[in-house]
Protein backbone atom coordinates (compact mmCIF):
# COMPACT_ATOMS: atom_id res chain seq x y z
CA UNK A 1 0.00 0.00 0.00
CA UNK A 2 1.29 3.45 -0.93
CA UNK A 3 1.70 6.20 1.61
CA UNK A 4 -0.93 8.90 1.38
CA UNK A 5 0.76 12.31 0.97
CA UNK A 6 0.14 14.88 3.70
CA UNK A 7 -2.00 17.67 2.31
CA UNK A 8 -0.58 21.10 2.99
CA UNK A 9 -3.07 23.92 3.00
CA UNK A 10 -3.03 27.54 4.04
CA UNK A 11 -5.41 28.94 6.62
CA UNK A 12 -5.90 32.59 7.54
CA UNK A 13 -7.39 34.23 10.62
CA UNK A 14 -7.74 37.82 11.78
CA UNK A 15 -6.12 38.35 15.16
CA UNK A 16 -8.54 40.07 17.51
CA UNK A 17 -7.61 42.74 19.98
CA UNK A 18 -7.08 46.42 20.16
CA UNK A 19 -3.28 46.05 20.14
CA UNK A 20 -2.92 43.07 17.81
CA UNK A 21 0.03 44.61 15.94
CA UNK A 22 2.04 44.94 19.14
CA UNK A 23 1.20 41.35 20.04
CA UNK A 24 2.39 40.19 16.60
CA UNK A 25 5.71 41.93 17.14
CA UNK A 26 6.13 40.05 20.41
CA UNK A 27 5.16 36.75 18.74
CA UNK A 28 7.66 37.30 15.91
CA UNK A 29 10.44 38.20 18.34
CA UNK A 30 13.73 39.94 17.69
CA UNK A 31 14.92 39.10 14.19
CA UNK A 32 12.07 36.58 13.85
CA UNK A 33 13.58 34.31 16.50
CA UNK A 34 10.33 33.47 18.32
CA UNK A 35 8.25 32.78 15.22
CA UNK A 36 11.04 30.48 13.94
CA UNK A 37 10.81 28.50 17.19
CA UNK A 38 7.02 28.28 16.81
CA UNK A 39 7.36 27.06 13.22
CA UNK A 40 9.79 24.34 14.26
CA UNK A 41 7.61 23.23 17.16
CA UNK A 42 4.39 23.21 15.12
CA UNK A 43 5.85 21.95 11.85
CA UNK A 44 4.05 24.73 9.95
CA UNK A 45 4.97 27.98 8.21
CA UNK A 46 3.63 31.11 9.96
CA UNK A 47 3.25 34.48 8.26
CA UNK A 48 1.65 37.73 9.40
CA UNK A 49 -0.08 40.25 7.13
CA UNK A 50 -0.50 43.65 8.73
CA UNK A 51 -1.54 45.74 5.73
CA UNK A 52 -5.14 46.30 6.85
CA UNK A 53 -6.31 43.99 9.61
CA UNK A 54 -3.74 41.96 11.48
CA UNK A 55 -3.93 38.49 9.94
CA UNK A 56 -2.00 35.32 10.60
CA UNK A 57 -1.52 32.83 7.78
CA UNK A 58 -0.45 29.27 8.54
CA UNK A 59 0.64 26.70 5.96
CA UNK A 60 1.02 23.02 6.74
CA UNK A 61 -0.91 19.85 7.44
CA UNK A 62 -4.13 20.13 9.46
CA UNK A 63 -2.31 18.89 12.56
CA UNK A 64 0.57 21.35 12.09
CA UNK A 65 -1.83 24.26 11.53
CA UNK A 66 -3.83 23.36 14.64
CA UNK A 67 -0.60 23.19 16.68
CA UNK A 68 0.53 26.58 15.32
CA UNK A 69 -2.81 28.22 16.21
CA UNK A 70 -2.65 26.74 19.71
CA UNK A 71 0.91 27.97 20.29
CA UNK A 72 0.10 31.47 19.06
CA UNK A 73 -3.12 31.60 21.12
CA UNK A 74 -1.08 30.66 24.18
CA UNK A 75 1.32 33.55 23.49
CA UNK A 76 -1.54 35.95 22.78
CA UNK A 77 -2.93 35.18 26.23
CA UNK A 78 0.51 35.67 27.77
CA UNK A 79 1.08 38.99 25.98
CA UNK A 80 -2.60 39.96 26.04
CA UNK A 81 -4.08 43.17 27.15
CA UNK A 82 -6.08 43.84 30.26
CA UNK A 83 -8.35 46.69 31.01
CA UNK A 84 -10.35 47.77 33.98
CA UNK A 85 -12.46 50.83 34.62
CA UNK A 86 -10.78 53.59 36.59
CA UNK A 87 -12.17 57.03 37.29
CA UNK A 88 -10.22 59.74 35.48
CA UNK A 89 -9.48 61.37 38.82
CA UNK A 90 -7.56 58.25 39.88
CA UNK A 91 -5.35 57.85 36.74
CA UNK A 92 -2.45 59.49 38.57
CA UNK A 93 -2.31 56.52 40.94
CA UNK A 94 -1.58 54.11 38.09
CA UNK A 95 0.54 56.47 36.00
CA UNK A 96 2.62 57.90 38.85
CA UNK A 97 4.47 61.19 38.99
CA UNK A 98 5.70 62.12 35.51
CA UNK A 99 4.65 58.65 34.30
CA UNK A 100 7.16 56.85 36.51
CA UNK A 101 5.05 53.68 36.94
CA UNK A 102 3.97 53.07 33.34
């Protein structure tokens, strides 16, 4: 019986979030070092398109694509943004004198 070739396909998703571009920069890493690690671990090619919306394109087998999405989602949660309501009068507490704490 002949081996069935692994079908490589490309899948694209828009990355949600107000600061998705910043998150992509963190996922790519300095000189692309982090995204290269992710590609090796997942066994898929990962590319980002930031022309309009921030999109991630993944090429590989279904299993490799699923692994890549999972790894990136894990990083997105790690680098994610948080927000909480704070009265304008209290912003100085978070920001500090001359912005020392931000």
